[in-house]
């Protein structure tokens, strides 16, 4: 799983909401009667014809290998896979959709797919195609608008604590279970030899905004009201900004580094001792340390510390959707159904380390026998989907930008929250 490729794709989406809104304008979002009626069951007959698949480079790099058994079982099917650089993917996909030249099947990111969840763009998931209850709930919910599902989860990730277990043992501390215990834990890691307790994200972009949103949930916030109004100036958002800033104001994180590409080298060298990050790191640290087995003897993981309302994180990953313009929706959905099978998701993990979106797949020994992944499974069961509105990426990016001032002490959390609220209100929610 390449977080660098995802980062490029999600940074791009932060400026695409306007384009997405234009694409959806006049499309009839909310015409759920027509959408539901079109979601007819898919039978078990062989898939035939041609299915054009588009996906960003990364997890789909091994797709040809993973679907080889499916193609063997469906000899009348021709699957044409096009992999597109992440920084170009959503732009090319939206342009193709607008021109009526899109693929049959496309991959999406659940944390940045709201602008596509419309019956004029995607077909509703057919009745009985998959069991919604088999997936992590937040990942399924990320593809649902007004009770109509448009995407099927493919792989999953969330954030948890990844820390230097050797330094924690030396300091005599355990992973923090609460916000209040977090900075003391990071200071203890520094006392044990780390230059900084935390290697924090300093991009001040959509990723920082996602972090603040996550902390707002942990503080009891909702980001939007039940009536669809933005609530980004709530006490919970202010608390979230202050908690995130506390890493920097306490001296346990440096607002000038490490940069994203330096995060793992800093961690293995002891320049930092903790990361709030995704599961891909577990499989990459031995390489960063240039020493096989280094991770097993130096690293531990833990669920996120809890705020006043728990330790909720966000759900990320990959999903699949069949375009409304597809000329072979039947075969496309059959391929999606195959990709959603527990055994296929395990095969995807073995091929690329993409963690399954199907909960039962985590019972496979290939995953279950890796103790460093346990915290991510625990955390995945306690996740939420970001707001399913087309302006969320813009709002999250602004939230991350305003976080910089709070972290560096140039503006208050209250002022930052008010500015983000005003910005979000000026954008609205896009097409709904």
Protein backbone atom coordinates (compact mmCIF):
# COMPACT_ATOMS: atom_id res chain seq x y z
CA UNK A 1 0.00 0.00 0.00
CA UNK A 2 1.56 3.28 -1.10
CA UNK A 3 0.57 6.21 1.04
CA UNK A 4 2.59 8.55 -1.15
CA UNK A 5 0.37 7.76 -4.13
CA UNK A 6 -2.77 8.26 -2.06
CA UNK A 7 -1.42 11.56 -0.80
CA UNK A 8 -1.02 12.83 -4.36
CA UNK A 9 -4.52 11.76 -5.28
CA UNK A 10 -6.21 13.27 -2.24
CA UNK A 11 -4.30 16.53 -2.51
CA UNK A 12 -5.63 16.79 -6.03
CA UNK A 13 -9.23 16.21 -4.97
CA UNK A 14 -9.08 19.12 -2.56
CA UNK A 15 -9.37 21.48 -5.50
CA UNK A 16 -11.86 19.49 -7.50
CA UNK A 17 -15.11 20.01 -5.63
CA UNK A 18 -16.19 22.84 -7.90
CA UNK A 19 -15.65 20.66 -10.95
CA UNK A 20 -17.55 17.88 -9.21
CA UNK A 21 -20.44 20.20 -8.41
CA UNK A 22 -20.62 21.36 -12.01
CA UNK A 23 -20.67 17.76 -13.18
CA UNK A 24 -23.54 17.01 -10.85
CA UNK A 25 -25.53 20.13 -11.59
CA UNK A 26 -28.93 19.26 -12.95
CA UNK A 27 -28.30 15.55 -12.59
CA UNK A 28 -31.23 14.98 -10.30
CA UNK A 29 -29.44 13.91 -7.15
CA UNK A 30 -32.05 12.70 -4.76
CA UNK A 31 -34.09 10.87 -7.42
CA UNK A 32 -33.78 7.78 -5.29
CA UNK A 33 -36.88 6.10 -6.69
CA UNK A 34 -35.30 5.79 -10.10
CA UNK A 35 -31.96 4.84 -8.59
CA UNK A 36 -33.38 2.07 -6.46
CA UNK A 37 -35.44 0.69 -9.32
CA UNK A 38 -32.31 0.32 -11.46
CA UNK A 39 -30.47 -1.71 -8.82
CA UNK A 40 -31.59 -5.09 -10.14
CA UNK A 41 -30.02 -8.31 -8.82
CA UNK A 42 -27.05 -9.79 -10.67
CA UNK A 43 -27.30 -13.49 -11.49
CA UNK A 44 -24.62 -16.18 -11.26
CA UNK A 45 -24.18 -16.79 -14.99
CA UNK A 46 -20.71 -16.28 -16.48
CA UNK A 47 -19.54 -12.75 -17.14
CA UNK A 48 -19.05 -12.02 -20.83
CA UNK A 49 -18.05 -9.17 -23.11
CA UNK A 50 -15.56 -6.44 -22.31
CA UNK A 51 -15.16 -4.55 -19.04
CA UNK A 52 -13.02 -1.43 -19.04
CA UNK A 53 -11.50 -0.77 -15.62
CA UNK A 54 -9.82 2.44 -14.51
CA UNK A 55 -7.83 2.71 -11.31
CA UNK A 56 -5.06 4.88 -9.89
CA UNK A 57 -1.60 3.39 -9.67
CA UNK A 58 -0.93 1.74 -6.33
CA UNK A 59 -3.09 -1.02 -4.91
CA UNK A 60 -4.49 -1.80 -8.37
CA UNK A 61 -1.01 -2.52 -9.70
CA UNK A 62 -1.59 -6.19 -8.82
CA UNK A 63 -5.21 -6.32 -10.01
CA UNK A 64 -4.40 -8.39 -13.08
CA UNK A 65 -2.82 -11.03 -10.86
CA UNK A 66 -5.62 -10.97 -8.29
CA UNK A 67 -8.43 -11.43 -10.83
CA UNK A 68 -6.68 -14.17 -12.79
CA UNK A 69 -8.92 -16.89 -11.27
CA UNK A 70 -12.02 -14.86 -12.12
CA UNK A 71 -10.93 -14.48 -15.71
CA UNK A 72 -10.22 -18.21 -15.92
CA UNK A 73 -13.73 -18.96 -14.65
CA UNK A 74 -15.22 -16.51 -17.17
CA UNK A 75 -13.40 -17.21 -20.47
CA UNK A 76 -15.85 -15.08 -22.41
CA UNK A 77 -14.80 -11.97 -20.53
CA UNK A 78 -12.14 -9.49 -21.54
CA UNK A 79 -11.01 -7.17 -18.71
CA UNK A 80 -9.06 -4.15 -19.89
CA UNK A 81 -7.29 -2.43 -16.97
CA UNK A 82 -5.99 1.11 -17.30
CA UNK A 83 -3.77 2.39 -14.48
CA UNK A 84 -3.50 6.17 -14.22
CA UNK A 85 -0.97 8.20 -12.19
CA UNK A 86 -2.57 9.25 -8.93
CA UNK A 87 -2.03 12.97 -9.41
CA UNK A 88 -4.03 12.78 -12.65
CA UNK A 89 -6.60 10.14 -11.80
CA UNK A 90 -9.67 12.00 -10.60
CA UNK A 91 -9.18 14.80 -13.14
CA UNK A 92 -9.06 12.32 -16.02
CA UNK A 93 -11.96 10.32 -14.62
CA UNK A 94 -14.21 13.37 -14.25
CA UNK A 95 -13.28 14.62 -17.70
CA UNK A 96 -14.07 11.21 -19.20
CA UNK A 97 -17.39 11.06 -17.39
CA UNK A 98 -18.34 14.55 -18.57
CA UNK A 99 -17.47 13.56 -22.15
CA UNK A 100 -19.39 10.30 -21.93
CA UNK A 101 -16.20 8.30 -22.44
CA UNK A 102 -15.63 6.84 -18.99
CA UNK A 103 -14.80 3.23 -18.16
CA UNK A 104 -17.30 0.61 -17.07
CA UNK A 105 -15.76 0.25 -13.63
CA UNK A 106 -13.72 2.75 -11.64
CA UNK A 107 -11.89 2.80 -8.32
CA UNK A 108 -12.57 5.53 -5.79
CA UNK A 109 -11.24 6.61 -2.41
CA UNK A 110 -14.00 6.49 0.24
CA UNK A 111 -12.65 9.59 1.97
CA UNK A 112 -12.88 11.56 -1.30
CA UNK A 113 -15.66 10.18 -3.47
CA UNK A 114 -18.72 12.24 -2.52
CA UNK A 115 -18.83 14.14 -5.81
CA UNK A 116 -19.40 10.87 -7.68
CA UNK A 117 -22.24 9.48 -5.56
CA UNK A 118 -25.10 10.29 -7.87
CA UNK A 119 -27.31 8.17 -10.18
CA UNK A 120 -26.23 10.25 -13.19
CA UNK A 121 -22.63 9.17 -12.57
CA UNK A 122 -22.72 5.79 -10.79
CA UNK A 123 -25.16 2.94 -10.84
CA UNK A 124 -26.64 1.91 -7.49
CA UNK A 125 -25.22 -1.32 -6.10
CA UNK A 126 -27.56 -4.13 -7.15
CA UNK A 127 -29.70 -5.79 -4.52
CA UNK A 128 -28.00 -8.83 -3.01
CA UNK A 129 -24.70 -8.33 -4.80
CA UNK A 130 -22.79 -8.26 -1.50
CA UNK A 131 -23.63 -8.29 2.19
CA UNK A 132 -23.31 -4.71 3.48
CA UNK A 133 -22.89 -6.06 7.01
CA UNK A 134 -19.76 -7.93 5.99
CA UNK A 135 -17.75 -4.73 5.56
CA UNK A 136 -16.51 -2.24 8.11
CA UNK A 137 -19.61 -0.11 8.55
CA UNK A 138 -17.91 3.23 7.98
CA UNK A 139 -16.51 2.09 4.63
CA UNK A 140 -19.92 0.98 3.43
CA UNK A 141 -21.53 4.17 4.72
CA UNK A 142 -19.02 6.24 2.77
CA UNK A 143 -20.70 5.11 -0.46
CA UNK A 144 -24.31 5.67 0.63
CA UNK A 145 -26.40 8.76 -0.13
CA UNK A 146 -30.03 8.92 1.00
CA UNK A 147 -30.12 5.16 1.59
CA UNK A 148 -28.75 4.31 -1.87
CA UNK A 149 -25.34 2.58 -2.06
CA UNK A 150 -23.14 3.48 -5.03
CA UNK A 151 -19.80 1.86 -4.17
CA UNK A 152 -18.52 -1.44 -2.79
CA UNK A 153 -15.50 -1.39 -0.44
CA UNK A 154 -12.31 -3.04 -1.68
CA UNK A 155 -9.55 -2.35 0.84
CA UNK A 156 -9.33 -0.50 4.15
CA UNK A 157 -7.07 1.60 6.30
CA UNK A 158 -7.26 3.91 9.28
CA UNK A 159 -4.85 5.62 11.66
CA UNK A 160 -3.42 4.25 14.89
CA UNK A 161 -0.34 4.86 17.03
CA UNK A 162 2.93 3.38 15.82
CA UNK A 163 5.66 3.89 18.40
CA UNK A 164 9.14 2.82 19.46
CA UNK A 165 8.47 0.01 21.91
CA UNK A 166 12.13 -0.13 22.95
CA UNK A 167 12.06 3.50 24.07
CA UNK A 168 8.70 3.08 25.80
CA UNK A 169 10.09 0.12 27.72
CA UNK A 170 13.17 2.10 28.67
CA UNK A 171 10.94 4.95 29.90
CA UNK A 172 8.61 2.55 31.72
CA UNK A 173 5.47 3.84 29.97
CA UNK A 174 2.61 2.27 28.06
CA UNK A 175 0.76 3.62 25.06
CA UNK A 176 -1.63 6.43 26.11
CA UNK A 177 -5.32 5.57 26.35
CA UNK A 178 -6.53 9.18 26.68
CA UNK A 179 -5.78 12.62 25.33
CA UNK A 180 -4.55 13.71 28.74
CA UNK A 181 -1.93 10.94 28.78
CA UNK A 182 -0.64 11.59 25.26
CA UNK A 183 1.82 14.47 25.72
CA UNK A 184 3.27 12.93 28.92
CA UNK A 185 3.82 9.70 26.97
CA UNK A 186 5.59 11.60 24.17
CA UNK A 187 7.76 13.47 26.68
CA UNK A 188 8.72 10.16 28.28
CA UNK A 189 9.89 8.88 24.89
CA UNK A 190 12.04 11.99 24.58
CA UNK A 191 13.49 11.38 28.03
CA UNK A 192 14.35 7.87 26.85
CA UNK A 193 16.43 9.21 23.99
CA UNK A 194 14.20 10.42 21.17
CA UNK A 195 14.81 13.93 19.89
CA UNK A 196 11.06 14.43 19.53
CA UNK A 197 8.27 12.26 20.85
CA UNK A 198 6.09 12.58 17.75
CA UNK A 199 6.76 12.86 14.06
CA UNK A 200 3.69 14.93 13.20
CA UNK A 201 2.30 15.67 9.74
CA UNK A 202 3.34 19.22 8.81
CA UNK A 203 1.90 19.49 5.31
CA UNK A 204 -0.86 21.79 6.62
CA UNK A 205 -3.18 20.39 3.99
CA UNK A 206 -6.13 18.04 3.61
CA UNK A 207 -4.40 15.43 5.78
CA UNK A 208 -4.08 17.80 8.71
CA UNK A 209 -7.73 18.68 8.18
CA UNK A 210 -8.67 15.02 8.36
CA UNK A 211 -6.73 14.74 11.61
CA UNK A 212 -8.61 17.67 13.15
CA UNK A 213 -11.93 16.20 12.00
CA UNK A 214 -10.98 12.92 13.67
CA UNK A 215 -10.14 14.69 16.92
CA UNK A 216 -13.40 16.66 16.72
CA UNK A 217 -15.31 13.38 16.66
CA UNK A 218 -13.30 12.23 19.65
CA UNK A 219 -14.35 15.43 21.45
CA UNK A 220 -18.03 14.84 20.69
CA UNK A 221 -18.33 16.91 17.51
CA UNK A 222 -20.20 16.03 14.34
CA UNK A 223 -18.74 18.38 11.64
CA UNK A 224 -22.28 18.82 10.29
CA UNK A 225 -25.63 18.96 12.03
CA UNK A 226 -28.48 16.52 11.47
CA UNK A 227 -30.00 19.19 9.26
CA UNK A 228 -26.91 19.39 7.05
CA UNK A 229 -25.40 22.59 8.42
CA UNK A 230 -21.66 22.90 9.02
CA UNK A 231 -20.71 22.92 12.72
CA UNK A 232 -16.99 23.55 12.42
CA UNK A 233 -16.92 26.35 14.99
CA UNK A 234 -18.25 24.06 17.72
CA UNK A 235 -16.49 23.62 21.08
CA UNK A 236 -15.50 20.14 19.91
CA UNK A 237 -13.64 21.51 16.89
CA UNK A 238 -11.89 24.08 19.09
CA UNK A 239 -10.86 21.27 21.46
CA UNK A 240 -9.63 19.26 18.48
CA UNK A 241 -7.47 22.12 17.23
CA UNK A 242 -6.04 22.66 20.71
CA UNK A 243 -5.27 18.97 21.16
CA UNK A 244 -3.50 18.77 17.81
CA UNK A 245 -1.59 21.96 18.60
CA UNK A 246 -0.52 20.60 21.99
CA UNK A 247 1.98 18.30 20.26
CA UNK A 248 3.82 21.35 18.96
CA UNK A 249 3.34 23.76 21.87
CA UNK A 250 4.61 21.11 24.29
CA UNK A 251 7.77 20.63 22.26
CA UNK A 252 7.04 16.96 21.57
CA UNK A 253 6.61 17.65 17.83
CA UNK A 254 8.48 20.03 15.56
CA UNK A 255 6.38 22.26 13.26
CA UNK A 256 9.24 22.32 10.74
CA UNK A 257 9.87 18.60 10.36
CA UNK A 258 10.02 15.82 9.51
CA UNK A 259 8.53 16.21 6.07
CA UNK A 260 6.34 13.38 4.81
CA UNK A 261 9.17 11.55 3.03
CA UNK A 262 11.43 11.83 6.08
CA UNK A 263 8.90 10.42 8.57
CA UNK A 264 10.14 6.83 8.51
CA UNK A 265 13.90 7.62 8.48
CA UNK A 266 13.38 9.95 11.45
CA UNK A 267 11.46 7.25 13.28
CA UNK A 268 14.02 4.47 12.84
CA UNK A 269 16.92 6.79 13.70
CA UNK A 270 15.30 7.96 16.94
CA UNK A 271 14.79 11.55 15.80
CA UNK A 272 11.12 10.80 16.48
CA UNK A 273 9.55 7.98 18.45
CA UNK A 274 5.86 7.90 17.52
CA UNK A 275 3.69 8.34 14.45
CA UNK A 276 -0.07 8.65 14.02
CA UNK A 277 -0.29 6.84 10.74
CA UNK A 278 -1.67 3.98 8.68
CA UNK A 279 -0.88 0.26 8.53
CA UNK A 280 1.38 0.47 5.48
CA UNK A 281 4.16 1.66 7.78
CA UNK A 282 4.35 -1.74 9.49
CA UNK A 283 5.61 -3.37 6.31
CA UNK A 284 8.04 -0.61 5.38
CA UNK A 285 10.09 0.08 8.50
CA UNK A 286 12.52 -2.84 8.05
CA UNK A 287 13.43 -1.31 4.70
CA UNK A 288 13.81 2.14 6.24
CA UNK A 289 16.03 0.67 8.96
CA UNK A 290 17.95 -1.42 6.40
CA UNK A 291 17.75 -4.32 8.83
CA UNK A 292 15.39 -7.32 8.58
CA UNK A 293 13.55 -7.93 11.84
CA UNK A 294 14.11 -4.39 13.11
CA UNK A 295 10.38 -3.65 13.29
CA UNK A 296 9.54 -6.71 15.39
CA UNK A 297 12.06 -5.74 18.07
CA UNK A 298 11.58 -1.97 18.05
CA UNK A 299 7.96 -1.20 17.23
CA UNK A 300 4.52 -1.52 18.81
CA UNK A 301 1.09 -0.28 17.79
CA UNK A 302 -1.95 0.88 19.74
CA UNK A 303 -5.41 2.32 19.05
CA UNK A 304 -5.72 6.10 19.18
CA UNK A 305 -6.04 7.79 22.58
CA UNK A 306 -9.60 8.71 23.53
CA UNK A 307 -10.99 12.18 23.89
CA UNK A 308 -14.06 12.96 25.96
CA UNK A 309 -16.27 11.03 23.53
CA UNK A 310 -14.02 8.13 22.57
CA UNK A 311 -11.22 7.28 20.17
CA UNK A 312 -13.00 7.37 16.81
CA UNK A 313 -10.82 7.48 13.71
CA UNK A 314 -11.74 7.85 10.04
CA UNK A 315 -12.15 5.16 7.42
CA UNK A 316 -10.00 5.24 4.31
CA UNK A 317 -9.25 2.76 1.58
CA UNK A 318 -10.49 1.91 -1.89
CA UNK A 319 -13.93 1.24 -3.37
CA UNK A 320 -15.39 0.25 -6.71
CA UNK A 321 -18.27 1.81 -8.62
CA UNK A 322 -19.92 1.01 -11.93
CA UNK A 323 -20.54 4.04 -14.10
CA UNK A 324 -24.06 4.89 -15.18
CA UNK A 325 -22.82 4.99 -18.78
CA UNK A 326 -21.36 1.48 -18.65
CA UNK A 327 -22.20 -0.69 -21.63
CA UNK A 328 -21.58 -3.86 -19.64
CA UNK A 329 -22.84 -3.26 -16.13
CA UNK A 330 -23.72 -6.93 -15.59
CA UNK A 331 -20.16 -8.18 -16.08
CA UNK A 332 -18.77 -5.18 -14.20
CA UNK A 333 -20.86 -5.96 -11.12
CA UNK A 334 -19.82 -9.62 -11.32
CA UNK A 335 -16.19 -8.50 -11.19
CA UNK A 336 -16.97 -6.24 -8.20
CA UNK A 337 -18.67 -9.15 -6.47
CA UNK A 338 -15.53 -11.22 -6.96
CA UNK A 339 -13.29 -8.45 -5.62
CA UNK A 340 -15.48 -8.22 -2.52
CA UNK A 341 -15.14 -11.91 -1.65
CA UNK A 342 -13.17 -12.52 1.57
CA UNK A 343 -10.74 -14.85 -0.20
CA UNK A 344 -10.10 -12.30 -2.95
CA UNK A 345 -9.42 -9.56 -0.43
CA UNK A 346 -6.91 -11.84 1.30
CA UNK A 347 -5.29 -12.46 -2.10
CA UNK A 348 -5.10 -8.69 -2.59
CA UNK A 349 -3.41 -8.35 0.81
CA UNK A 350 -0.86 -11.04 -0.04
CA UNK A 351 -0.12 -9.37 -3.36
CA UNK A 352 0.10 -5.74 -2.21
CA UNK A 353 -0.51 -5.53 1.57
CA UNK A 354 -3.89 -3.89 0.98
CA UNK A 355 -5.82 -4.62 4.17
CA UNK A 356 -9.31 -6.05 3.63
CA UNK A 357 -12.53 -4.07 3.80
CA UNK A 358 -14.35 -7.33 4.60
CA UNK A 359 -14.08 -7.90 8.34
CA UNK A 360 -13.93 -11.71 8.18
CA UNK A 361 -10.86 -11.58 5.92
CA UNK A 362 -8.83 -10.36 8.89
CA UNK A 363 -9.20 -13.85 10.40
CA UNK A 364 -6.94 -15.29 7.73
CA UNK A 365 -3.56 -16.31 9.22
CA UNK A 366 -1.74 -14.09 6.71
CA UNK A 367 -3.19 -11.12 8.61
CA UNK A 368 -4.21 -12.51 12.00
CA UNK A 369 -0.69 -13.76 12.74
CA UNK A 370 0.75 -10.24 12.55
CA UNK A 371 0.35 -8.69 16.02
CA UNK A 372 1.29 -5.20 14.84
CA UNK A 373 -1.91 -5.12 12.79
CA UNK A 374 -4.16 -5.84 15.79
CA UNK A 375 -4.42 -2.17 16.75
CA UNK A 376 -5.54 -1.28 13.24
CA UNK A 377 -8.29 -3.90 13.32
CA UNK A 378 -9.46 -2.57 16.69
CA UNK A 379 -9.38 0.96 15.32
CA UNK A 380 -11.16 0.04 12.06
CA UNK A 381 -14.09 -1.12 14.14
CA UNK A 382 -14.26 2.37 15.61
CA UNK A 383 -14.28 4.59 12.54
CA UNK A 384 -16.60 7.03 10.83
CA UNK A 385 -17.02 8.24 7.28
CA UNK A 386 -16.27 11.84 6.40
CA UNK A 387 -19.24 14.01 5.31
CA UNK A 388 -20.64 12.78 2.02
CA UNK A 389 -20.78 16.21 0.40
CA UNK A 390 -18.78 17.34 -2.61
CA UNK A 391 -17.15 20.29 -0.82
CA UNK A 392 -15.63 18.25 2.01
CA UNK A 393 -12.17 18.05 0.42
CA UNK A 394 -12.03 21.85 0.15
CA UNK A 395 -13.23 22.26 3.72
CA UNK A 396 -10.73 19.70 5.04
CA UNK A 397 -7.90 21.42 3.19
CA UNK A 398 -8.83 24.78 4.70
CA UNK A 399 -9.06 23.16 8.12
CA UNK A 400 -5.53 21.83 7.70
CA UNK A 401 -4.26 25.22 6.57
CA UNK A 402 -5.75 26.98 9.60
CA UNK A 403 -4.28 24.30 11.87
CA UNK A 404 -0.82 25.61 11.02
CA UNK A 405 -1.46 28.93 12.73
CA UNK A 406 -2.75 27.24 15.87
CA UNK A 407 0.24 24.89 15.99
CA UNK A 408 2.68 27.77 15.57
CA UNK A 409 0.88 30.02 18.03
CA UNK A 410 -0.04 32.72 15.52
CA UNK A 411 -3.80 32.37 15.95
CA UNK A 412 -6.19 30.93 18.51
CA UNK A 413 -8.11 27.71 18.02
CA UNK A 414 -11.34 29.71 18.33
CA UNK A 415 -10.34 32.05 15.50
CA UNK A 416 -9.25 29.16 13.30
CA UNK A 417 -12.54 27.34 13.85
CA UNK A 418 -14.53 30.48 13.06
CA UNK A 419 -12.60 31.04 9.83
CA UNK A 420 -13.14 27.45 8.69
CA UNK A 421 -16.84 27.66 9.54
CA UNK A 422 -17.23 30.83 7.50
CA UNK A 423 -15.36 29.26 4.59
CA UNK A 424 -17.49 26.11 4.72
CA UNK A 425 -20.68 28.14 4.83
CA UNK A 426 -19.53 30.12 1.79
CA UNK A 427 -19.07 26.86 -0.12
CA UNK A 428 -22.18 25.14 1.14
CA UNK A 429 -22.37 21.40 0.65
CA UNK A 430 -22.17 21.21 -3.11
CA UNK A 431 -24.59 18.90 -4.89
CA UNK A 432 -26.67 16.77 -2.56
